[in-house]
N, C-alpha and C. Protein backbone atom coordinates (compact mmCIF):
# COMPACT_ATOMS: atom_id res chain seq x y z
N MET A 1 78.56 41.54 144.84
CA MET A 1 77.39 42.29 144.38
C MET A 1 76.51 41.35 143.54
N THR A 2 75.22 41.43 143.75
CA THR A 2 74.29 40.62 142.99
C THR A 2 73.51 41.49 142.02
N TRP A 3 72.87 40.84 141.06
CA TRP A 3 72.11 41.62 140.08
C TRP A 3 70.98 42.42 140.71
N LYS A 4 70.47 41.98 141.84
CA LYS A 4 69.39 42.70 142.49
C LYS A 4 69.87 44.02 143.10
N GLN A 5 71.17 44.14 143.35
CA GLN A 5 71.72 45.35 143.95
C GLN A 5 72.07 46.41 142.92
N ILE A 6 71.98 46.08 141.67
CA ILE A 6 72.35 47.04 140.61
C ILE A 6 71.11 47.78 140.15
N GLU A 7 71.24 49.09 140.03
CA GLU A 7 70.13 49.90 139.55
C GLU A 7 70.11 49.89 138.01
N CYS A 8 68.94 49.69 137.47
CA CYS A 8 68.81 49.64 135.99
C CYS A 8 69.03 51.04 135.42
N PRO A 9 69.90 51.18 134.43
CA PRO A 9 70.17 52.51 133.86
C PRO A 9 69.11 52.96 132.85
N PHE A 10 68.15 52.10 132.52
CA PHE A 10 67.16 52.43 131.50
C PHE A 10 65.87 52.93 132.14
N GLU A 11 65.17 53.78 131.41
CA GLU A 11 63.89 54.29 131.82
C GLU A 11 62.84 53.19 131.80
N THR A 12 61.96 53.16 132.76
CA THR A 12 60.89 52.17 132.81
C THR A 12 59.86 52.48 131.73
N ASP A 13 59.52 51.47 130.94
CA ASP A 13 58.54 51.63 129.88
C ASP A 13 57.28 50.85 130.27
N ARG A 14 56.18 51.54 130.49
CA ARG A 14 54.96 50.90 130.96
C ARG A 14 54.43 49.86 129.97
N ASN A 15 54.58 50.10 128.68
CA ASN A 15 54.12 49.14 127.67
C ASN A 15 54.88 47.81 127.78
N ILE A 16 56.17 47.92 127.99
CA ILE A 16 56.98 46.70 128.12
C ILE A 16 56.61 45.98 129.42
N LEU A 17 56.46 46.72 130.52
CA LEU A 17 56.06 46.08 131.78
C LEU A 17 54.70 45.39 131.63
N HIS A 18 53.77 46.05 130.97
CA HIS A 18 52.46 45.45 130.77
C HIS A 18 52.56 44.14 129.98
N TYR A 19 53.36 44.18 128.92
CA TYR A 19 53.54 42.98 128.11
C TYR A 19 54.14 41.84 128.95
N LEU A 20 55.17 42.16 129.71
CA LEU A 20 55.85 41.12 130.51
C LEU A 20 54.92 40.54 131.57
N HIS A 21 54.00 41.36 132.08
CA HIS A 21 53.09 40.86 133.10
C HIS A 21 51.89 40.11 132.52
N THR A 22 51.57 40.35 131.25
CA THR A 22 50.34 39.75 130.69
C THR A 22 50.59 38.73 129.58
N ALA A 23 51.79 38.64 129.08
CA ALA A 23 52.08 37.70 127.99
C ALA A 23 51.96 36.27 128.52
N PRO A 24 51.47 35.36 127.69
CA PRO A 24 51.34 33.97 128.13
C PRO A 24 52.70 33.35 128.40
N ILE A 25 52.71 32.45 129.34
CA ILE A 25 53.93 31.70 129.66
C ILE A 25 53.74 30.29 129.09
N PHE A 26 54.61 29.89 128.19
CA PHE A 26 54.47 28.58 127.55
C PHE A 26 55.11 27.49 128.36
N SER A 27 54.49 26.33 128.29
CA SER A 27 55.11 25.13 128.86
C SER A 27 56.23 24.70 127.93
N GLU A 28 56.99 23.70 128.34
CA GLU A 28 58.06 23.20 127.47
C GLU A 28 57.47 22.69 126.17
N ASP A 29 56.35 21.96 126.25
CA ASP A 29 55.71 21.48 125.03
C ASP A 29 55.24 22.64 124.15
N GLY A 30 54.72 23.66 124.78
CA GLY A 30 54.24 24.83 124.03
C GLY A 30 55.37 25.51 123.29
N LEU A 31 56.53 25.59 123.94
CA LEU A 31 57.71 26.17 123.27
C LEU A 31 58.16 25.35 122.09
N TYR A 32 58.18 24.02 122.27
CA TYR A 32 58.56 23.15 121.15
C TYR A 32 57.60 23.32 119.98
N LEU A 33 56.29 23.33 120.31
CA LEU A 33 55.29 23.46 119.27
C LEU A 33 55.43 24.80 118.52
N ALA A 34 55.63 25.87 119.25
CA ALA A 34 55.82 27.19 118.63
C ALA A 34 57.06 27.20 117.75
N SER A 35 58.10 26.55 118.24
CA SER A 35 59.35 26.46 117.48
C SER A 35 59.15 25.70 116.17
N TYR A 36 58.43 24.57 116.24
CA TYR A 36 58.19 23.77 115.05
C TYR A 36 57.25 24.47 114.07
N GLU A 37 56.39 25.35 114.57
CA GLU A 37 55.51 26.08 113.68
C GLU A 37 56.29 27.13 112.88
N SER A 38 57.35 27.67 113.48
CA SER A 38 58.13 28.68 112.75
C SER A 38 59.24 28.08 111.93
N GLU A 39 59.73 26.89 112.34
CA GLU A 39 60.80 26.20 111.58
C GLU A 39 60.52 24.71 111.66
N SER A 40 60.32 24.09 110.53
CA SER A 40 59.96 22.66 110.48
C SER A 40 61.02 21.79 111.13
N PRO A 41 60.57 20.65 111.73
CA PRO A 41 61.52 19.71 112.31
C PRO A 41 62.49 19.21 111.25
N GLU A 42 63.76 19.06 111.63
CA GLU A 42 64.79 18.72 110.67
C GLU A 42 65.18 17.25 110.66
N ASN A 43 65.07 16.56 111.78
CA ASN A 43 65.49 15.17 111.83
C ASN A 43 64.35 14.31 112.35
N GLN A 44 64.56 13.00 112.36
CA GLN A 44 63.49 12.08 112.73
C GLN A 44 63.06 12.27 114.19
N VAL A 45 63.98 12.54 115.09
CA VAL A 45 63.62 12.75 116.50
C VAL A 45 62.69 13.96 116.64
N GLU A 46 63.04 15.06 115.95
CA GLU A 46 62.20 16.25 116.01
C GLU A 46 60.85 15.98 115.34
N LYS A 47 60.83 15.26 114.25
CA LYS A 47 59.57 14.95 113.56
C LYS A 47 58.65 14.09 114.44
N ASP A 48 59.24 13.13 115.13
CA ASP A 48 58.43 12.27 116.03
C ASP A 48 57.89 13.09 117.19
N ARG A 49 58.70 13.99 117.76
CA ARG A 49 58.25 14.82 118.86
C ARG A 49 57.13 15.74 118.39
N TRP A 50 57.28 16.32 117.19
CA TRP A 50 56.27 17.21 116.65
C TRP A 50 54.94 16.48 116.45
N LYS A 51 54.99 15.26 115.93
CA LYS A 51 53.76 14.47 115.73
C LYS A 51 53.11 14.17 117.07
N ALA A 52 53.91 13.82 118.07
CA ALA A 52 53.36 13.52 119.40
C ALA A 52 52.73 14.75 120.03
N LEU A 53 53.39 15.90 119.89
CA LEU A 53 52.82 17.16 120.42
C LEU A 53 51.51 17.50 119.76
N ARG A 54 51.46 17.39 118.43
CA ARG A 54 50.23 17.70 117.71
C ARG A 54 49.11 16.75 118.15
N SER A 55 49.44 15.49 118.29
CA SER A 55 48.45 14.51 118.72
C SER A 55 47.90 14.86 120.10
N ASN A 56 48.81 15.18 121.03
CA ASN A 56 48.38 15.54 122.38
C ASN A 56 47.51 16.79 122.38
N ILE A 57 47.85 17.77 121.55
CA ILE A 57 47.05 19.00 121.46
C ILE A 57 45.66 18.69 120.93
N LEU A 58 45.58 17.85 119.90
CA LEU A 58 44.26 17.49 119.34
C LEU A 58 43.40 16.78 120.38
N VAL A 59 44.00 15.87 121.13
CA VAL A 59 43.25 15.14 122.17
C VAL A 59 42.75 16.12 123.23
N LYS A 60 43.62 17.01 123.69
CA LYS A 60 43.23 17.98 124.71
C LYS A 60 42.16 18.91 124.22
N THR A 61 42.26 19.35 122.95
CA THR A 61 41.26 20.24 122.36
C THR A 61 39.91 19.52 122.28
N LYS A 62 39.91 18.27 121.89
CA LYS A 62 38.67 17.47 121.79
C LYS A 62 38.05 17.34 123.17
N GLU A 63 38.88 17.04 124.18
CA GLU A 63 38.38 16.89 125.56
C GLU A 63 37.77 18.19 126.06
N LEU A 64 38.42 19.31 125.78
CA LEU A 64 37.87 20.60 126.21
C LEU A 64 36.53 20.89 125.54
N LYS A 65 36.44 20.60 124.25
CA LYS A 65 35.18 20.83 123.53
C LYS A 65 34.07 19.97 124.11
N GLU A 66 34.38 18.70 124.39
CA GLU A 66 33.38 17.80 124.97
C GLU A 66 32.96 18.26 126.35
N HIS A 67 33.90 18.72 127.12
CA HIS A 67 33.63 19.16 128.49
C HIS A 67 32.77 20.42 128.51
N HIS A 68 33.01 21.33 127.55
CA HIS A 68 32.27 22.59 127.51
C HIS A 68 31.06 22.52 126.60
N GLY A 69 30.81 21.37 126.00
CA GLY A 69 29.62 21.18 125.19
C GLY A 69 29.62 21.94 123.88
N SER A 70 30.78 22.24 123.34
CA SER A 70 30.88 22.96 122.06
C SER A 70 30.83 22.02 120.89
C-alpha cells in the first residue's frame, strides 16, 4: 500500500489548501537566509555562508533596481 492509496481522515480546510497553493517556495539559499534571520549563525562556516548570501542578495537587488529603473 502506498500513501496515495490511503484516504485522509481529516476534513479538507480551504484556508489551508489556499495557503499551500499560494505560499512562496524558497530556494535552498532562501531557506538558509530565513533560518539565519531567525537564529544567528553559530560557527565560522555558518557566518561565512550568511555573509555570502547577504552579498548575493544585495547584488541581485541592485541589478533588479537598475533593470527596472528604480
